[in-house]
């Protein structure tokens, strides 16, 4: 069993997050408006489904590995089977 973790967007990516996801997580983090708006930064949650990592941001953005090992970025309201 692999345990997930949580961290704040823009902070260092925890060691528990597979390296394959790091680049896309950083790209998503850079697209989030800065702290100058007085809003707290959203948080990431790492989970594993069928052994594959999924990093989900509070905003609904997901960075995950698909069955072929490719990194996919999507929003949770997107139909992954479309």
N, C-alpha and C. Protein backbone atom coordinates (compact mmCIF):
# COMPACT_ATOMS: atom_id res chain seq x y z
N UNK A 1 0.84 -1.18 0.00
CA UNK A 1 0.00 0.00 0.00
C UNK A 1 0.88 1.25 0.00
N UNK A 2 0.53 2.21 -0.82
CA UNK A 2 1.28 3.47 -0.86
C UNK A 2 0.40 4.57 -0.31
N UNK A 3 0.95 5.36 0.57
CA UNK A 3 0.22 6.47 1.16
C UNK A 3 0.43 7.73 0.34
N UNK A 4 -0.58 8.55 0.30
CA UNK A 4 -0.49 9.83 -0.39
C UNK A 4 0.01 10.90 0.56
N UNK A 5 -0.08 12.12 0.11
CA UNK A 5 0.35 13.26 0.92
C UNK A 5 -0.35 14.51 0.41
N UNK A 6 -0.26 15.59 1.17
CA UNK A 6 -0.81 16.89 0.76
C UNK A 6 0.27 17.95 0.88
N UNK A 7 0.21 18.94 -0.02
CA UNK A 7 1.13 20.07 0.05
C UNK A 7 0.50 21.27 -0.65
N UNK A 8 0.99 22.44 -0.31
CA UNK A 8 0.47 23.68 -0.87
C UNK A 8 1.10 23.96 -2.23
N UNK A 9 0.27 24.38 -3.16
CA UNK A 9 0.75 24.75 -4.48
C UNK A 9 1.88 25.76 -4.37
N UNK A 10 2.94 25.54 -5.11
CA UNK A 10 4.09 26.44 -5.10
C UNK A 10 5.17 26.04 -4.12
N UNK A 11 4.83 25.17 -3.15
CA UNK A 11 5.85 24.66 -2.22
C UNK A 11 6.65 23.56 -2.89
N UNK A 12 7.72 23.15 -2.24
CA UNK A 12 8.52 22.04 -2.76
C UNK A 12 7.65 20.79 -2.88
N UNK A 13 7.82 20.08 -3.97
CA UNK A 13 7.06 18.85 -4.19
C UNK A 13 7.62 17.76 -3.27
N UNK A 14 6.77 17.11 -2.48
CA UNK A 14 7.25 16.08 -1.55
C UNK A 14 7.91 14.90 -2.27
N UNK A 15 8.81 14.24 -1.57
CA UNK A 15 9.52 13.10 -2.12
C UNK A 15 8.58 11.95 -2.50
N UNK A 16 7.41 11.88 -1.88
CA UNK A 16 6.45 10.81 -2.17
C UNK A 16 5.85 10.92 -3.57
N UNK A 17 5.95 12.10 -4.18
CA UNK A 17 5.38 12.31 -5.51
C UNK A 17 6.37 11.78 -6.56
N UNK A 18 5.93 10.85 -7.41
CA UNK A 18 6.83 10.31 -8.43
C UNK A 18 7.40 11.42 -9.33
N UNK A 19 8.66 11.30 -9.65
CA UNK A 19 9.37 12.31 -10.44
C UNK A 19 8.70 12.59 -11.78
N UNK A 20 8.03 11.60 -12.35
CA UNK A 20 7.38 11.78 -13.65
C UNK A 20 6.33 12.89 -13.63
N UNK A 21 5.76 13.17 -12.47
CA UNK A 21 4.71 14.17 -12.36
C UNK A 21 5.22 15.57 -12.08
N UNK A 22 6.46 15.70 -11.63
CA UNK A 22 6.99 16.98 -11.15
C UNK A 22 6.89 18.11 -12.17
N UNK A 23 7.31 17.89 -13.39
CA UNK A 23 7.33 18.98 -14.38
C UNK A 23 5.93 19.55 -14.60
N UNK A 24 4.95 18.68 -14.78
CA UNK A 24 3.59 19.16 -15.04
C UNK A 24 2.98 19.83 -13.81
N UNK A 25 3.29 19.33 -12.62
CA UNK A 25 2.81 19.97 -11.39
C UNK A 25 3.38 21.39 -11.31
N UNK A 26 4.67 21.55 -11.60
CA UNK A 26 5.28 22.88 -11.57
C UNK A 26 4.63 23.82 -12.59
N UNK A 27 4.32 23.31 -13.78
CA UNK A 27 3.66 24.13 -14.80
C UNK A 27 2.28 24.59 -14.33
N UNK A 28 1.54 23.70 -13.71
CA UNK A 28 0.22 24.07 -13.17
C UNK A 28 0.40 25.12 -12.08
N UNK A 29 1.36 24.91 -11.18
CA UNK A 29 1.61 25.86 -10.09
C UNK A 29 1.92 27.25 -10.63
N UNK A 30 2.71 27.33 -11.70
CA UNK A 30 3.07 28.64 -12.27
C UNK A 30 1.87 29.36 -12.86
N UNK A 31 0.85 28.63 -13.26
CA UNK A 31 -0.34 29.23 -13.88
C UNK A 31 -1.33 29.77 -12.84
N UNK A 32 -1.10 29.49 -11.57
CA UNK A 32 -2.00 29.94 -10.50
C UNK A 32 -1.64 31.38 -10.14
N UNK A 33 -2.65 32.25 -10.04
CA UNK A 33 -2.37 33.65 -9.68
C UNK A 33 -1.57 33.74 -8.37
N UNK A 34 -0.72 34.76 -8.28
CA UNK A 34 0.15 34.95 -7.12
C UNK A 34 -0.61 35.26 -5.84
N UNK A 35 0.12 35.25 -4.74
CA UNK A 35 -0.44 35.49 -3.43
C UNK A 35 -0.90 36.94 -3.23
N UNK A 36 -0.59 37.83 -4.15
CA UNK A 36 -0.94 39.23 -4.00
C UNK A 36 -2.44 39.48 -3.96
N UNK A 37 -3.24 38.48 -4.29
CA UNK A 37 -4.69 38.64 -4.29
C UNK A 37 -5.29 38.38 -2.92
N UNK A 38 -4.49 38.01 -1.94
CA UNK A 38 -4.99 37.77 -0.59
C UNK A 38 -5.68 36.44 -0.41
N UNK A 39 -5.67 35.61 -1.41
CA UNK A 39 -6.29 34.30 -1.32
C UNK A 39 -5.24 33.24 -0.99
N UNK A 40 -5.60 32.25 -0.17
CA UNK A 40 -4.63 31.18 0.08
C UNK A 40 -4.42 30.35 -1.18
N UNK A 41 -3.22 29.83 -1.35
CA UNK A 41 -2.93 28.98 -2.50
C UNK A 41 -3.62 27.64 -2.32
N UNK A 42 -4.11 27.05 -3.40
CA UNK A 42 -4.76 25.74 -3.29
C UNK A 42 -3.74 24.67 -2.89
N UNK A 43 -4.26 23.55 -2.47
CA UNK A 43 -3.40 22.45 -2.03
C UNK A 43 -3.55 21.26 -2.97
N UNK A 44 -2.44 20.54 -3.12
CA UNK A 44 -2.39 19.31 -3.88
C UNK A 44 -2.65 18.13 -2.95
N UNK A 45 -3.27 17.07 -3.49
CA UNK A 45 -3.43 15.81 -2.78
C UNK A 45 -2.92 14.71 -3.69
N UNK A 46 -1.99 13.91 -3.19
CA UNK A 46 -1.47 12.77 -3.94
C UNK A 46 -2.18 11.52 -3.46
N UNK A 47 -2.74 10.78 -4.40
CA UNK A 47 -3.34 9.48 -4.12
C UNK A 47 -2.85 8.49 -5.17
N UNK A 48 -3.16 7.25 -4.96
CA UNK A 48 -2.80 6.21 -5.93
C UNK A 48 -4.04 5.40 -6.25
N UNK A 49 -4.32 5.22 -7.53
CA UNK A 49 -5.44 4.41 -7.99
C UNK A 49 -4.88 3.31 -8.87
N UNK A 50 -5.13 2.09 -8.46
CA UNK A 50 -4.59 0.92 -9.17
C UNK A 50 -3.08 1.04 -9.35
N UNK A 51 -2.43 1.59 -8.33
CA UNK A 51 -0.97 1.71 -8.33
C UNK A 51 -0.42 2.91 -9.07
N UNK A 52 -1.30 3.67 -9.75
CA UNK A 52 -0.85 4.84 -10.51
C UNK A 52 -1.08 6.10 -9.69
N UNK A 53 -0.09 7.01 -9.70
CA UNK A 53 -0.21 8.25 -8.92
C UNK A 53 -1.14 9.26 -9.59
N UNK A 54 -1.90 9.96 -8.73
CA UNK A 54 -2.77 11.05 -9.19
C UNK A 54 -2.55 12.21 -8.22
N UNK A 55 -2.10 13.34 -8.74
CA UNK A 55 -1.97 14.56 -7.94
C UNK A 55 -3.14 15.45 -8.33
N UNK A 56 -4.01 15.76 -7.36
CA UNK A 56 -5.18 16.57 -7.63
C UNK A 56 -5.11 17.86 -6.84
N UNK A 57 -5.28 18.96 -7.54
CA UNK A 57 -5.29 20.28 -6.93
C UNK A 57 -6.71 20.58 -6.46
N UNK A 58 -6.86 21.37 -5.40
CA UNK A 58 -8.19 21.72 -4.89
C UNK A 58 -9.09 22.32 -5.97
N UNK A 59 -8.51 22.90 -7.00
CA UNK A 59 -9.28 23.51 -8.09
C UNK A 59 -9.86 22.48 -9.05
N UNK A 60 -9.47 21.22 -8.91
CA UNK A 60 -9.94 20.16 -9.79
C UNK A 60 -8.97 19.74 -10.86
N UNK A 61 -7.83 20.42 -10.97
CA UNK A 61 -6.81 20.02 -11.93
C UNK A 61 -6.15 18.73 -11.44
N UNK A 62 -5.97 17.78 -12.35
CA UNK A 62 -5.32 16.51 -12.01
C UNK A 62 -4.11 16.29 -12.90
N UNK A 63 -3.03 15.82 -12.29
CA UNK A 63 -1.83 15.41 -13.01
C UNK A 63 -1.65 13.95 -12.65
N UNK A 64 -1.65 13.09 -13.66
CA UNK A 64 -1.61 11.65 -13.37
C UNK A 64 -0.88 10.89 -14.47
N UNK A 65 -0.57 9.64 -14.16
CA UNK A 65 -0.02 8.73 -15.15
C UNK A 65 -1.16 7.88 -15.68
N UNK A 66 -1.27 7.77 -17.01
CA UNK A 66 -2.29 6.90 -17.57
C UNK A 66 -1.76 5.47 -17.62
N UNK A 67 -2.55 4.55 -18.12
CA UNK A 67 -2.19 3.13 -18.13
C UNK A 67 -0.91 2.86 -18.93
N UNK A 68 -0.60 3.73 -19.91
CA UNK A 68 0.61 3.53 -20.71
C UNK A 68 1.84 4.20 -20.10
N UNK A 69 1.65 4.89 -18.94
CA UNK A 69 2.77 5.56 -18.29
C UNK A 69 2.99 6.98 -18.74
N UNK A 70 2.07 7.52 -19.54
CA UNK A 70 2.15 8.89 -20.04
C UNK A 70 1.55 9.83 -19.00
N UNK A 71 2.18 11.00 -18.81
CA UNK A 71 1.66 12.00 -17.88
C UNK A 71 0.52 12.75 -18.56
N UNK A 72 -0.62 12.83 -17.86
CA UNK A 72 -1.81 13.49 -18.39
C UNK A 72 -2.23 14.57 -17.41
N UNK A 73 -2.58 15.76 -17.94
CA UNK A 73 -3.11 16.85 -17.12
C UNK A 73 -4.54 17.08 -17.59
N UNK A 74 -5.47 17.07 -16.65
CA UNK A 74 -6.87 17.29 -17.01
C UNK A 74 -7.59 17.92 -15.83
N UNK A 75 -8.83 18.33 -16.06
CA UNK A 75 -9.67 18.88 -15.00
C UNK A 75 -10.68 17.80 -14.64
N UNK A 76 -11.04 17.70 -13.37
CA UNK A 76 -11.90 16.60 -12.94
C UNK A 76 -13.29 16.60 -13.57
N UNK A 77 -13.70 17.68 -14.23
CA UNK A 77 -14.99 17.66 -14.91
C UNK A 77 -14.87 17.21 -16.37
N UNK A 78 -13.66 16.89 -16.83
CA UNK A 78 -13.45 16.40 -18.18
C UNK A 78 -13.71 14.90 -18.21
N UNK A 79 -14.33 14.44 -19.26
CA UNK A 79 -14.57 13.01 -19.41
C UNK A 79 -13.31 12.37 -19.94
N UNK A 80 -12.67 11.52 -19.12
CA UNK A 80 -11.40 10.93 -19.52
C UNK A 80 -11.57 9.92 -20.65
N UNK A 81 -12.79 9.54 -20.98
CA UNK A 81 -13.00 8.57 -22.02
C UNK A 81 -13.46 9.20 -23.33
N UNK A 82 -13.46 10.53 -23.38
CA UNK A 82 -13.90 11.21 -24.60
C UNK A 82 -12.87 11.11 -25.69
